[in-house]
Amino acid sequence: MTGLTIVLVATDDARVRAALTLACAQAALGGRVRLFAQDAAVVALGAQPRDDDAPATPERPDRRQLLALARQSGVALIACQTGLAETGLAIDALAEGTEGGGLVGLLATLGEDRLVVV
């Protein structure tokens, strides 16, 4: 199965939810999934709730629950190192298991993955 690499470029709830939901759906199908948060979008991978997080309901998990589901499903979460420096976030302030990386390294290992920008 072809893998999926998602580049998240925004922090608004709709895009973050779309990226995480897409990642979880691909993982459910058994494919490799990487979610790369570009520049300021690294804040979307934060372990703490944000003011703009939509509240969870039984039908709709919140961002932190989606992040946990993504990790449990095997989605690789990657935070842009430049974005971490620009926002002043430390890697340990992000969701558990998030690793640092760069766009060049991501593209160099793209292989046969489909690339989606959200």
PDB file of N, CA and C in Angstrom:
ATOM      1  N   MET A   1       0.840  -1.185   0.000  1.00  0.00           N
ATOM      2  CA  MET A   1       0.000   0.000   0.000  1.00  0.00           C
ATOM      3  C   MET A   1       0.881   1.242   0.000  1.00  0.00           C
ATOM      4  N   THR A   2       0.477   2.229  -0.763  1.00  0.00           N
ATOM      5  CA  THR A   2       1.178   3.498  -0.815  1.00  0.00           C
ATOM      6  C   THR A   2       1.019   4.220   0.514  1.00  0.00           C
ATOM      7  N   GLY A   3       2.097   4.842   0.987  1.00  0.00           N
ATOM      8  CA  GLY A   3       2.045   5.620   2.218  1.00  0.00           C
ATOM      9  C   GLY A   3       1.469   7.003   1.975  1.00  0.00           C
ATOM     10  N   LEU A   4       1.300   7.740   3.053  1.00  0.00           N
ATOM     11  CA  LEU A   4       0.749   9.086   2.983  1.00  0.00           C
ATOM     12  C   LEU A   4       1.575   9.998   3.861  1.00  0.00           C
ATOM     13  N   THR A   5       2.020  11.105   3.303  1.00  0.00           N
ATOM     14  CA  THR A   5       2.710  12.142   4.057  1.00  0.00           C
ATOM     15  C   THR A   5       1.847  13.395   4.000  1.00  0.00           C
ATOM     16  N   ILE A   6       1.493  13.907   5.172  1.00  0.00           N
ATOM     17  CA  ILE A   6       0.627  15.080   5.275  1.00  0.00           C
ATOM     18  C   ILE A   6       1.459  16.235   5.821  1.00  0.00           C
ATOM     19  N   VAL A   7       1.418  17.366   5.140  1.00  0.00           N
ATOM     20  CA  VAL A   7       2.083  18.570   5.615  1.00  0.00           C
ATOM     21  C   VAL A   7       0.999  19.518   6.111  1.00  0.00           C
ATOM     22  N   LEU A   8       1.013  19.779   7.409  1.00  0.00           N
ATOM     23  CA  LEU A   8       0.055  20.697   8.031  1.00  0.00           C
ATOM     24  C   LEU A   8       0.674  22.082   8.055  1.00  0.00           C
ATOM     25  N   VAL A   9       0.001  23.059   7.428  1.00  0.00           N
ATOM     26  CA  VAL A   9       0.570  24.399   7.299  1.00  0.00           C
ATOM     27  C   VAL A   9      -0.197  25.468   8.066  1.00  0.00           C
ATOM     28  N   ALA A  10      -1.282  25.091   8.723  1.00  0.00           N
ATOM     29  CA  ALA A  10      -2.103  26.064   9.431  1.00  0.00           C
ATOM     30  C   ALA A  10      -2.477  25.523  10.806  1.00  0.00           C
ATOM     31  N   THR A  11      -2.968  26.411  11.650  1.00  0.00           N
ATOM     32  CA  THR A  11      -3.298  26.014  13.023  1.00  0.00           C
ATOM     33  C   THR A  11      -4.784  26.040  13.323  1.00  0.00           C
ATOM     34  N   ASP A  12      -5.602  26.446  12.348  1.00  0.00           N
ATOM     35  CA  ASP A  12      -7.035  26.523  12.622  1.00  0.00           C
ATOM     36  C   ASP A  12      -7.608  25.122  12.830  1.00  0.00           C
ATOM     37  N   ASP A  13      -8.638  25.049  13.660  1.00  0.00           N
ATOM     38  CA  ASP A  13      -9.210  23.775  14.084  1.00  0.00           C
ATOM     39  C   ASP A  13      -9.631  22.902  12.906  1.00  0.00           C
ATOM     40  N   ALA A  14     -10.217  23.490  11.874  1.00  0.00           N
ATOM     41  CA  ALA A  14     -10.704  22.698  10.743  1.00  0.00           C
ATOM     42  C   ALA A  14      -9.550  21.995  10.022  1.00  0.00           C
ATOM     43  N   ARG A  15      -8.460  22.670   9.783  1.00  0.00           N
ATOM     44  CA  ARG A  15      -7.335  22.052   9.084  1.00  0.00           C
ATOM     45  C   ARG A  15      -6.624  21.016   9.951  1.00  0.00           C
ATOM     46  N   VAL A  16      -6.464  21.336  11.230  1.00  0.00           N
ATOM     47  CA  VAL A  16      -5.806  20.390  12.138  1.00  0.00           C
ATOM     48  C   VAL A  16      -6.631  19.109  12.229  1.00  0.00           C
ATOM     49  N   ARG A  17      -7.939  19.260  12.396  1.00  0.00           N
ATOM     50  CA  ARG A  17      -8.822  18.088  12.466  1.00  0.00           C
ATOM     51  C   ARG A  17      -8.783  17.302  11.158  1.00  0.00           C
ATOM     52  N   ALA A  18      -8.780  18.004  10.026  1.00  0.00           N
ATOM     53  CA  ALA A  18      -8.734  17.322   8.733  1.00  0.00           C
ATOM     54  C   ALA A  18      -7.442  16.523   8.593  1.00  0.00           C
ATOM     55  N   ALA A  19      -6.321  17.110   8.970  1.00  0.00           N
ATOM     56  CA  ALA A  19      -5.035  16.423   8.865  1.00  0.00           C
ATOM     57  C   ALA A  19      -4.996  15.192   9.763  1.00  0.00           C
ATOM     58  N   LEU A  20      -5.444  15.344  11.010  1.00  0.00           N
ATOM     59  CA  LEU A  20      -5.419  14.220  11.944  1.00  0.00           C
ATOM     60  C   LEU A  20      -6.404  13.126  11.545  1.00  0.00           C
ATOM     61  N   THR A  21      -7.574  13.508  11.078  1.00  0.00           N
ATOM     62  CA  THR A  21      -8.572  12.526  10.658  1.00  0.00           C
ATOM     63  C   THR A  21      -8.087  11.762   9.432  1.00  0.00           C
ATOM     64  N   LEU A  22      -7.504  12.469   8.477  1.00  0.00           N
ATOM     65  CA  LEU A  22      -6.941  11.837   7.286  1.00  0.00           C
ATOM     66  C   LEU A  22      -5.825  10.873   7.673  1.00  0.00           C
ATOM     67  N   ALA A  23      -4.968  11.286   8.589  1.00  0.00           N
ATOM     68  CA  ALA A  23      -3.875  10.425   9.050  1.00  0.00           C
ATOM     69  C   ALA A  23      -4.413   9.156   9.704  1.00  0.00           C
ATOM     70  N   CYS A  24      -5.407   9.302  10.554  1.00  0.00           N
ATOM     71  CA  CYS A  24      -5.983   8.134  11.235  1.00  0.00           C
ATOM     72  C   CYS A  24      -6.676   7.195  10.253  1.00  0.00           C
ATOM     73  N   ALA A  25      -7.341   7.760   9.249  1.00  0.00           N
ATOM     74  CA  ALA A  25      -8.015   6.927   8.245  1.00  0.00           C
ATOM     75  C   ALA A  25      -6.994   6.109   7.448  1.00  0.00           C
ATOM     76  N   GLN A  26      -5.890   6.744   7.041  1.00  0.00           N
ATOM     77  CA  GLN A  26      -4.853   6.018   6.304  1.00  0.00           C
ATOM     78  C   GLN A  26      -4.224   4.939   7.181  1.00  0.00           C
ATOM     79  N   ALA A  27      -3.996   5.250   8.441  1.00  0.00           N
ATOM     80  CA  ALA A  27      -3.426   4.259   9.363  1.00  0.00           C
ATOM     81  C   ALA A  27      -4.372   3.073   9.528  1.00  0.00           C
ATOM     82  N   ALA A  28      -5.673   3.345   9.566  1.00  0.00           N
ATOM     83  CA  ALA A  28      -6.659   2.266   9.697  1.00  0.00           C
ATOM     84  C   ALA A  28      -6.623   1.326   8.491  1.00  0.00           C
ATOM     85  N   LEU A  29      -6.212   1.853   7.346  1.00  0.00           N
ATOM     86  CA  LEU A  29      -6.098   1.029   6.142  1.00  0.00           C
ATOM     87  C   LEU A  29      -4.771   0.270   6.090  1.00  0.00           C
ATOM     88  N   GLY A  30      -3.895   0.548   7.048  1.00  0.00           N
ATOM     89  CA  GLY A  30      -2.644  -0.194   7.136  1.00  0.00           C
ATOM     90  C   GLY A  30      -1.459   0.432   6.437  1.00  0.00           C
ATOM     91  N   GLY A  31      -1.608   1.652   5.972  1.00  0.00           N
ATOM     92  CA  GLY A  31      -0.500   2.301   5.277  1.00  0.00           C
ATOM     93  C   GLY A  31       0.368   3.136   6.196  1.00  0.00           C
ATOM     94  N   ARG A  32       1.592   3.411   5.754  1.00  0.00           N
ATOM     95  CA  ARG A  32       2.500   4.295   6.483  1.00  0.00           C
ATOM     96  C   ARG A  32       1.941   5.708   6.442  1.00  0.00           C
ATOM     97  N   VAL A  33       1.996   6.406   7.574  1.00  0.00           N
ATOM     98  CA  VAL A  33       1.485   7.770   7.641  1.00  0.00           C
ATOM     99  C   VAL A  33       2.460   8.640   8.427  1.00  0.00           C
ATOM    100  N   ARG A  34       2.769   9.796   7.847  1.00  0.00           N
ATOM    101  CA  ARG A  34       3.576  10.800   8.533  1.00  0.00           C
ATOM    102  C   ARG A  34       2.830  12.122   8.479  1.00  0.00           C
ATOM    103  N   LEU A  35       2.762  12.800   9.622  1.00  0.00           N
ATOM    104  CA  LEU A  35       2.148  14.123   9.702  1.00  0.00           C
ATOM    105  C   LEU A  35       3.235  15.108  10.106  1.00  0.00           C
ATOM    106  N   PHE A  36       3.563  16.006   9.194  1.00  0.00           N
ATOM    107  CA  PHE A  36       4.619  16.995   9.410  1.00  0.00           C
ATOM    108  C   PHE A  36       3.980  18.350   9.644  1.00  0.00           C
ATOM    109  N   ALA A  37       4.210  18.936  10.816  1.00  0.00           N
ATOM    110  CA  ALA A  37       3.696  20.273  11.133  1.00  0.00           C
ATOM    111  C   ALA A  37       4.743  21.302  10.724  1.00  0.00           C
ATOM    112  N   GLN A  38       4.433  22.079   9.712  1.00  0.00           N
ATOM    113  CA  GLN A  38       5.357  23.051   9.128  1.00  0.00           C
ATOM    114  C   GLN A  38       5.295  24.388   9.857  1.00  0.00           C
ATOM    115  N   ASP A  39       6.454  24.966  10.122  1.00  0.00           N
ATOM    116  CA  ASP A  39       6.596  26.293  10.735  1.00  0.00           C
ATOM    117  C   ASP A  39       5.696  26.449  11.956  1.00  0.00           C
ATOM    118  N   ALA A  40       4.864  27.500  11.976  1.00  0.00           N
ATOM    119  CA  ALA A  40       4.050  27.789  13.166  1.00  0.00           C
ATOM    120  C   ALA A  40       2.996  26.727  13.456  1.00  0.00           C
ATOM    121  N   ALA A  41       2.726  25.846  12.491  1.00  0.00           N
ATOM    122  CA  ALA A  41       1.738  24.782  12.715  1.00  0.00           C
ATOM    123  C   ALA A  41       2.199  23.787  13.780  1.00  0.00           C
ATOM    124  N   VAL A  42       3.448  23.884  14.223  1.00  0.00           N
ATOM    125  CA  VAL A  42       3.914  22.986  15.293  1.00  0.00           C
ATOM    126  C   VAL A  42       3.060  23.134  16.553  1.00  0.00           C
ATOM    127  N   VAL A  43       2.455  24.304  16.757  1.00  0.00           N
ATOM    128  CA  VAL A  43       1.629  24.491  17.954  1.00  0.00           C
ATOM    129  C   VAL A  43       0.420  23.553  17.953  1.00  0.00           C
ATOM    130  N   ALA A  44       0.007  23.095  16.775  1.00  0.00           N
ATOM    131  CA  ALA A  44      -1.135  22.175  16.685  1.00  0.00           C
ATOM    132  C   ALA A  44      -0.819  20.811  17.282  1.00  0.00           C
ATOM    133  N   LEU A  45       0.458  20.499  17.436  1.00  0.00           N
ATOM    134  CA  LEU A  45       0.861  19.229  18.025  1.00  0.00           C
ATOM    135  C   LEU A  45       1.074  19.352  19.533  1.00  0.00           C
ATOM    136  N   GLY A  46       0.686  20.490  20.095  1.00  0.00           N
ATOM    137  CA  GLY A  46       0.884  20.723  21.524  1.00  0.00           C
ATOM    138  C   GLY A  46       0.130  19.749  22.402  1.00  0.00           C
ATOM    139  N   ALA A  47       0.771  19.381  23.512  1.00  0.00           N
ATOM    140  CA  ALA A  47       0.161  18.435  24.452  1.00  0.00           C
ATOM    141  C   ALA A  47      -0.926  19.087  25.295  1.00  0.00           C
ATOM    142  N   GLN A  48      -0.878  20.400  25.425  1.00  0.00           N
ATOM    143  CA  GLN A  48      -1.857  21.110  26.245  1.00  0.00           C
ATOM    144  C   GLN A  48      -2.986  21.660  25.374  1.00  0.00           C
ATOM    145  N   PRO A  49      -4.190  21.765  25.935  1.00  0.00           N
ATOM    146  CA  PRO A  49      -5.308  22.310  25.145  1.00  0.00           C
ATOM    147  C   PRO A  49      -5.070  23.772  24.801  1.00  0.00           C
ATOM    148  N   ARG A  50      -5.648  24.185  23.691  1.00  0.00           N
ATOM    149  CA  ARG A  50      -5.573  25.580  23.274  1.00  0.00           C
ATOM    150  C   ARG A  50      -6.963  26.185  23.351  1.00  0.00           C
ATOM    151  N   ASP A  51      -7.041  27.496  23.360  1.00  0.00           N
ATOM    152  CA  ASP A  51      -8.329  28.181  23.453  1.00  0.00           C
ATOM    153  C   ASP A  51      -9.244  27.881  22.279  1.00  0.00           C
ATOM    154  N   ASP A  52      -8.681  27.628  21.100  1.00  0.00           N
ATOM    155  CA  ASP A  52      -9.505  27.405  19.907  1.00  0.00           C
ATOM    156  C   ASP A  52      -9.845  25.934  19.676  1.00  0.00           C
ATOM    157  N   ASP A  53      -9.485  25.054  20.610  1.00  0.00           N
ATOM    158  CA  ASP A  53      -9.835  23.644  20.465  1.00  0.00           C
ATOM    159  C   ASP A  53     -11.349  23.467  20.586  1.00  0.00           C
ATOM    160  N   ALA A  54     -11.918  22.770  19.635  1.00  0.00           N
ATOM    161  CA  ALA A  54     -13.344  22.458  19.725  1.00  0.00           C
ATOM    162  C   ALA A  54     -13.538  21.448  20.858  1.00  0.00           C
ATOM    163  N   PRO A  55     -14.546  21.650  21.688  1.00  0.00           N
ATOM    164  CA  PRO A  55     -14.759  20.700  22.787  1.00  0.00           C
ATOM    165  C   PRO A  55     -15.137  19.312  22.270  1.00  0.00           C
ATOM    166  N   ALA A  56     -14.727  18.311  23.017  1.00  0.00           N
ATOM    167  CA  ALA A  56     -15.026  16.930  22.631  1.00  0.00           C
ATOM    168  C   ALA A  56     -16.491  16.616  22.884  1.00  0.00           C
ATOM    169  N   THR A  57     -17.041  15.777  22.036  1.00  0.00           N
ATOM    170  CA  THR A  57     -18.370  15.219  22.226  1.00  0.00           C
ATOM    171  C   THR A  57     -18.235  13.717  21.995  1.00  0.00           C
ATOM    172  N   PRO A  58     -19.234  12.931  22.349  1.00  0.00           N
ATOM    173  CA  PRO A  58     -19.126  11.491  22.089  1.00  0.00           C
ATOM    174  C   PRO A  58     -18.916  11.169  20.603  1.00  0.00           C
ATOM    175  N   GLU A  59     -19.427  12.011  19.717  1.00  0.00           N
ATOM    176  CA  GLU A  59     -19.305  11.766  18.279  1.00  0.00           C
ATOM    177  C   GLU A  59     -18.052  12.390  17.679  1.00  0.00           C
ATOM    178  N   ARG A  60     -17.461  13.337  18.398  1.00  0.00           N
ATOM    179  CA  ARG A  60     -16.357  14.106  17.825  1.00  0.00           C
ATOM    180  C   ARG A  60     -15.263  14.336  18.862  1.00  0.00           C
ATOM    181  N   PRO A  61     -14.143  13.609  18.730  1.00  0.00           N
ATOM    182  CA  PRO A  61     -13.050  13.804  19.686  1.00  0.00           C
ATOM    183  C   PRO A  61     -12.400  15.177  19.521  1.00  0.00           C
ATOM    184  N   ASP A  62     -11.793  15.676  20.595  1.00  0.00           N
ATOM    185  CA  ASP A  62     -11.072  16.943  20.482  1.00  0.00           C
ATOM    186  C   ASP A  62      -9.676  16.690  19.919  1.00  0.00           C
ATOM    187  N   ARG A  63      -8.914  17.748  19.732  1.00  0.00           N
ATOM    188  CA  ARG A  63      -7.596  17.641  19.112  1.00  0.00           C
ATOM    189  C   ARG A  63      -6.662  16.723  19.891  1.00  0.00           C
ATOM    190  N   ARG A  64      -6.638  16.843  21.201  1.00  0.00           N
ATOM    191  CA  ARG A  64      -5.755  15.984  22.000  1.00  0.00           C
ATOM    192  C   ARG A  64      -6.136  14.514  21.855  1.00  0.00           C
ATOM    193  N   GLN A  65      -7.435  14.218  21.803  1.00  0.00           N
ATOM    194  CA  GLN A  65      -7.873  12.834  21.612  1.00  0.00           C
ATOM    195  C   GLN A  65      -7.494  12.327  20.224  1.00  0.00           C
ATOM    196  N   LEU A  66      -7.610  13.193  19.213  1.00  0.00           N
ATOM    197  CA  LEU A  66      -7.208  12.811  17.858  1.00  0.00           C
ATOM    198  C   LEU A  66      -5.695  12.571  17.787  1.00  0.00           C
ATOM    199  N   LEU A  67      -4.917  13.405  18.470  1.00  0.00           N
ATOM    200  CA  LEU A  67      -3.468  13.198  18.506  1.00  0.00           C
ATOM    201  C   LEU A  67      -3.137  11.854  19.147  1.00  0.00           C
ATOM    202  N   ALA A  68      -3.803  11.544  20.245  1.00  0.00           N
ATOM    203  CA  ALA A  68      -3.560  10.263  20.922  1.00  0.00           C
ATOM    204  C   ALA A  68      -3.946   9.098  20.018  1.00  0.00           C
ATOM    205  N   LEU A  69      -5.077   9.217  19.332  1.00  0.00           N
ATOM    206  CA  LEU A  69      -5.510   8.161  18.414  1.00  0.00           C
ATOM    207  C   LEU A  69      -4.508   7.994  17.274  1.00  0.00           C
ATOM    208  N   ALA A  70      -4.011   9.101  16.760  1.00  0.00           N
ATOM    209  CA  ALA A  70      -3.027   9.045  15.682  1.00  0.00           C
ATOM    210  C   ALA A  70      -1.776   8.297  16.143  1.00  0.00           C
ATOM    211  N   ARG A  71      -1.279   8.623  17.305  1.00  0.00           N
ATOM    212  CA  ARG A  71      -0.082   7.953  17.831  1.00  0.00           C
ATOM    213  C   ARG A  71      -0.354   6.462  18.054  1.00  0.00           C
ATOM    214  N   GLN A  72      -1.511   6.145  18.624  1.00  0.00           N
ATOM    215  CA  GLN A  72      -1.866   4.741  18.863  1.00  0.00           C
ATOM    216  C   GLN A  72      -1.983   3.974  17.539  1.00  0.00           C
ATOM    217  N   SER A  73      -2.336   4.678  16.485  1.00  0.00           N
ATOM    218  CA  SER A  73      -2.518   4.060  15.171  1.00  0.00           C
ATOM    219  C   SER A  73      -1.216   3.953  14.391  1.00  0.00           C
ATOM    220  N   GLY A  74      -0.144   4.488  14.949  1.00  0.00           N
ATOM    221  CA  GLY A  74       1.153   4.397  14.290  1.00  0.00           C
ATOM    222  C   GLY A  74       1.518   5.572  13.410  1.00  0.00           C
ATOM    223  N   VAL A  75       0.780   6.668  13.503  1.00  0.00           N
ATOM    224  CA  VAL A  75       1.099   7.856  12.721  1.00  0.00           C
ATOM    225  C   VAL A  75       2.364   8.495  13.296  1.00  0.00           C
ATOM    226  N   ALA A  76       3.333   8.783  12.444  1.00  0.00           N
ATOM    227  CA  ALA A  76       4.541   9.488  12.860  1.00  0.00           C
ATOM    228  C   ALA A  76       4.243  10.982  12.881  1.00  0.00           C
ATOM    229  N   LEU A  77       4.397  11.604  14.036  1.00  0.00           N
ATOM    230  CA  LEU A  77       4.195  13.043  14.182  1.00  0.00           C
ATOM    231  C   LEU A  77       5.560  13.714  14.146  1.00  0.00           C
ATOM    232  N   ILE A  78       5.716  14.670  13.229  1.00  0.00           N
ATOM    233  CA  ILE A  78       6.998  15.336  13.047  1.00  0.00           C
ATOM    234  C   ILE A  78       6.788  16.843  13.128  1.00  0.00           C
ATOM    235  N   ALA A  79       7.563  17.495  13.996  1.00  0.00           N
ATOM    236  CA  ALA A  79       7.484  18.947  14.161  1.00  0.00           C
ATOM    237  C   ALA A  79       8.667  19.598  13.449  1.00  0.00           C
ATOM    238  N   CYS A  80       8.381  20.598  12.667  1.00  0.00           N
ATOM    239  CA  CYS A  80       9.404  21.353  11.951  1.00  0.00           C
ATOM    240  C   CYS A  80      10.356  21.991  12.964  1.00  0.00           C
ATOM    241  N   GLN A  81      11.636  21.729  12.812  1.00  0.00           N
ATOM    242  CA  GLN A  81      12.619  22.278  13.752  1.00  0.00           C
ATOM    243  C   GLN A  81      12.678  23.795  13.672  1.00  0.00           C
ATOM    244  N   THR A  82      12.508  24.356  12.496  1.00  0.00           N
ATOM    245  CA  THR A  82      12.476  25.808  12.362  1.00  0.00           C
ATOM    246  C   THR A  82      11.253  26.366  13.074  1.00  0.00           C
ATOM    247  N   GLY A  83      10.123  25.692  12.935  1.00  0.00           N
ATOM    248  CA  GLY A  83       8.900  26.119  13.614  1.00  0.00           C
ATOM    249  C   GLY A  83       9.043  26.066  15.124  1.00  0.00           C
ATOM    250  N   LEU A  84       9.713  25.046  15.627  1.00  0.00           N
ATOM    251  CA  LEU A  84       9.956  24.963  17.069  1.00  0.00           C
ATOM    252  C   LEU A  84      10.778  26.158  17.531  1.00  0.00           C
ATOM    253  N   ALA A  85      11.819  26.500  16.780  1.00  0.00           N
ATOM    254  CA  ALA A  85      12.656  27.637  17.141  1.00  0.00           C
ATOM    255  C   ALA A  85      11.874  28.947  17.060  1.00  0.00           C
ATOM    256  N   GLU A  86      11.070  29.101  16.019  1.00  0.00           N
ATOM    257  CA  GLU A  86      10.304  30.339  15.841  1.00  0.00           C
ATOM    258  C   GLU A  86       9.239  30.534  16.910  1.00  0.00           C
ATOM    259  N   THR A  87       8.612  29.449  17.340  1.00  0.00           N
ATOM    260  CA  THR A  87       7.534  29.550  18.337  1.00  0.00           C
ATOM    261  C   THR A  87       8.056  29.465  19.767  1.00  0.00           C
ATOM    262  N   GLY A  88       9.309  29.048  19.923  1.00  0.00           N
ATOM    263  CA  GLY A  88       9.869  28.905  21.261  1.00  0.00           C
ATOM    264  C   GLY A  88       9.394  27.655  21.988  1.00  0.00           C
ATOM    265  N   LEU A  89       8.778  26.730  21.256  1.00  0.00           N
ATOM    266  CA  LEU A  89       8.306  25.486  21.860  1.00  0.00           C
ATOM    267  C   LEU A  89       9.433  24.472  21.952  1.00  0.00           C
ATOM    268  N   ALA A  90       9.433  23.731  23.025  1.00  0.00           N
ATOM    269  CA  ALA A  90      10.358  22.608  23.166  1.00  0.00           C
ATOM    270  C   ALA A  90       9.646  21.354  22.686  1.00  0.00           C
ATOM    271  N   ILE A  91      10.392  20.414  22.172  1.00  0.00           N
ATOM    272  CA  ILE A  91       9.804  19.176  21.654  1.00  0.00           C
ATOM    273  C   ILE A  91       9.008  18.452  22.730  1.00  0.00           C
ATOM    274  N   ASP A  92       9.416  18.565  23.995  1.00  0.00           N
ATOM    275  CA  ASP A  92       8.695  17.863  25.062  1.00  0.00           C
ATOM    276  C   ASP A  92       7.386  18.547  25.439  1.00  0.00           C
ATOM    277  N   ALA A  93       7.090  19.708  24.844  1.00  0.00           N
ATOM    278  CA  ALA A  93       5.799  20.369  25.054  1.00  0.00           C
ATOM    279  C   ALA A  93       4.757  19.885  24.053  1.00  0.00           C
ATOM    280  N   LEU A  94       5.181  19.021  23.138  1.00  0.00           N
ATOM    281  CA  LEU A  94       4.284  18.517  22.106  1.00  0.00           C
ATOM    282  C   LEU A  94       3.759  17.141  22.489  1.00  0.00           C
ATOM    283  N   ALA A  95       2.839  16.639  21.697  1.00  0.00           N
ATOM    284  CA  ALA A  95       2.235  15.324  21.948  1.00  0.00           C
ATOM    285  C   ALA A  95       3.324  14.267  22.083  1.00  0.00           C
ATOM    286  N   GLU A  96       3.080  13.314  22.948  1.00  0.00           N
ATOM    287  CA  GLU A  96       4.040  12.247  23.197  1.00  0.00           C
ATOM    288  C   GLU A  96       4.444  11.569  21.901  1.00  0.00           C
ATOM    289  N   GLY A  97       5.733  11.338  21.753  1.00  0.00           N
ATOM    290  CA  GLY A  97       6.236  10.647  20.580  1.00  0.00           C
ATOM    291  C   GLY A  97       6.540  11.535  19.389  1.00  0.00           C
ATOM    292  N   THR A  98       6.234  12.837  19.492  1.00  0.00           N
ATOM    293  CA  THR A  98       6.535  13.744  18.381  1.00  0.00           C
ATOM    294  C   THR A  98       8.045  13.877  18.247  1.00  0.00           C
ATOM    295  N   GLU A  99       8.520  13.828  17.022  1.00  0.00           N
ATOM    296  CA  GLU A  99       9.950  13.987  16.771  1.00  0.00           C
ATOM    297  C   GLU A  99      10.181  15.250  15.958  1.00  0.00           C
ATOM    298  N   GLY A 100      11.382  15.783  16.024  1.00  0.00           N
ATOM    299  CA  GLY A 100      11.741  16.948  15.234  1.00  0.00           C
ATOM    300  C   GLY A 100      12.225  16.526  13.862  1.00  0.00           C
ATOM    301  N   GLY A 101      12.096  17.407  12.909  1.00  0.00           N
ATOM    302  CA  GLY A 101      12.541  17.101  11.559  1.00  0.00           C
ATOM    303  C   GLY A 101      12.487  18.334  10.687  1.00  0.00           C
ATOM    304  N   GLY A 102      12.890  18.158   9.458  1.00  0.00           N
ATOM    305  CA  GLY A 102      12.887  19.251   8.510  1.00  0.00           C
ATOM    306  C   GLY A 102      12.217  18.856   7.207  1.00  0.00           C
ATOM    307  N   LEU A 103      11.837  19.842   6.448  1.00  0.00           N
ATOM    308  CA  LEU A 103      11.132  19.601   5.197  1.00  0.00           C
ATOM    309  C   LEU A 103      12.024  18.902   4.174  1.00  0.00           C
ATOM    310  N   VAL A 104      13.297  19.252   4.133  1.00  0.00           N
ATOM    311  CA  VAL A 104      14.204  18.602   3.184  1.00  0.00           C
ATOM    312  C   VAL A 104      14.306  17.109   3.495  1.00  0.00           C
ATOM    313  N   GLY A 105      14.484  16.775   4.775  1.00  0.00           N
ATOM    314  CA  GLY A 105      14.555  15.367   5.159  1.00  0.00           C
ATOM    315  C   GLY A 105      13.265  14.633   4.865  1.00  0.00           C
ATOM    316  N   LEU A 106      12.142  15.306   5.077  1.00  0.00           N
ATOM    317  CA  LEU A 106      10.842  14.703   4.811  1.00  0.00           C
ATOM    318  C   LEU A 106      10.702  14.364   3.333  1.00  0.00           C
ATOM    319  N   LEU A 107      11.022  15.326   2.481  1.00  0.00           N
ATOM    320  CA  LEU A 107      10.907  15.109   1.039  1.00  0.00           C
ATOM    321  C   LEU A 107      11.928  14.093   0.533  1.00  0.00           C
ATOM    322  N   ALA A 108      13.100  14.069   1.149  1.00  0.00           N
ATOM    323  CA  ALA A 108      14.131  13.119   0.733  1.00  0.00           C
ATOM    324  C   ALA A 108      13.711  11.679   0.997  1.00  0.00           C
ATOM    325  N   THR A 109      12.804  11.483   1.954  1.00  0.00           N
ATOM    326  CA  THR A 109      12.344  10.132   2.307  1.00  0.00           C
ATOM    327  C   THR A 109      10.908   9.892   1.865  1.00  0.00           C
ATOM    328  N   LEU A 110      10.416  10.718   0.962  1.00  0.00           N
ATOM    329  CA  LEU A 110       9.028  10.603   0.505  1.00  0.00           C
ATOM    330  C   LEU A 110       8.773   9.291  -0.220  1.00  0.00           C
ATOM    331  N   GLY A 111       9.720   8.848  -1.005  1.00  0.00           N
ATOM    332  CA  GLY A 111       9.549   7.607  -1.742  1.00  0.00           C
ATOM    333  C   GLY A 111       8.270   7.614  -2.570  1.00  0.00           C
ATOM    334  N   GLU A 112       7.439   6.582  -2.395  1.00  0.00           N
ATOM    335  CA  GLU A 112       6.198   6.453  -3.151  1.00  0.00           C
ATOM    336  C   GLU A 112       4.985   7.028  -2.418  1.00  0.00           C
ATOM    337  N   ASP A 113       5.235   7.693  -1.280  1.00  0.00           N
ATOM    338  CA  ASP A 113       4.123   8.279  -0.515  1.00  0.00           C
ATOM    339  C   ASP A 113       3.356   9.290  -1.355  1.00  0.00           C
ATOM    340  N   ARG A 114       2.076   9.350  -1.094  1.00  0.00           N
ATOM    341  CA  ARG A 114       1.273  10.463  -1.595  1.00  0.00           C
ATOM    342  C   ARG A 114       1.549  11.637  -0.684  1.00  0.00           C
ATOM    343  N   LEU A 115       1.570  12.832  -1.214  1.00  0.00           N
ATOM    344  CA  LEU A 115       1.843  14.051  -0.448  1.00  0.00           C
ATOM    345  C   LEU A 115       0.604  14.921  -0.455  1.00  0.00           C
ATOM    346  N   VAL A 116       0.127  15.265   0.744  1.00  0.00           N
ATOM    347  CA  VAL A 116      -1.050  16.114   0.890  1.00  0.00           C
ATOM    348  C   VAL A 116      -0.667  17.315   1.749  1.00  0.00           C
ATOM    349  N   VAL A 117      -1.051  18.500   1.326  1.00  0.00           N
ATOM    350  CA  VAL A 117      -0.825  19.709   2.115  1.00  0.00           C
ATOM    351  C   VAL A 117      -2.167  20.208   2.611  1.00  0.00           C
ATOM    352  N   VAL A 118      -2.262  20.363   3.937  1.00  0.00           N
ATOM    353  CA  VAL A 118      -3.530  20.801   4.548  1.00  0.00           C
ATOM    354  C   VAL A 118      -3.276  22.120   5.257  1.00  0.00           C
TER     355      VAL A 118
END
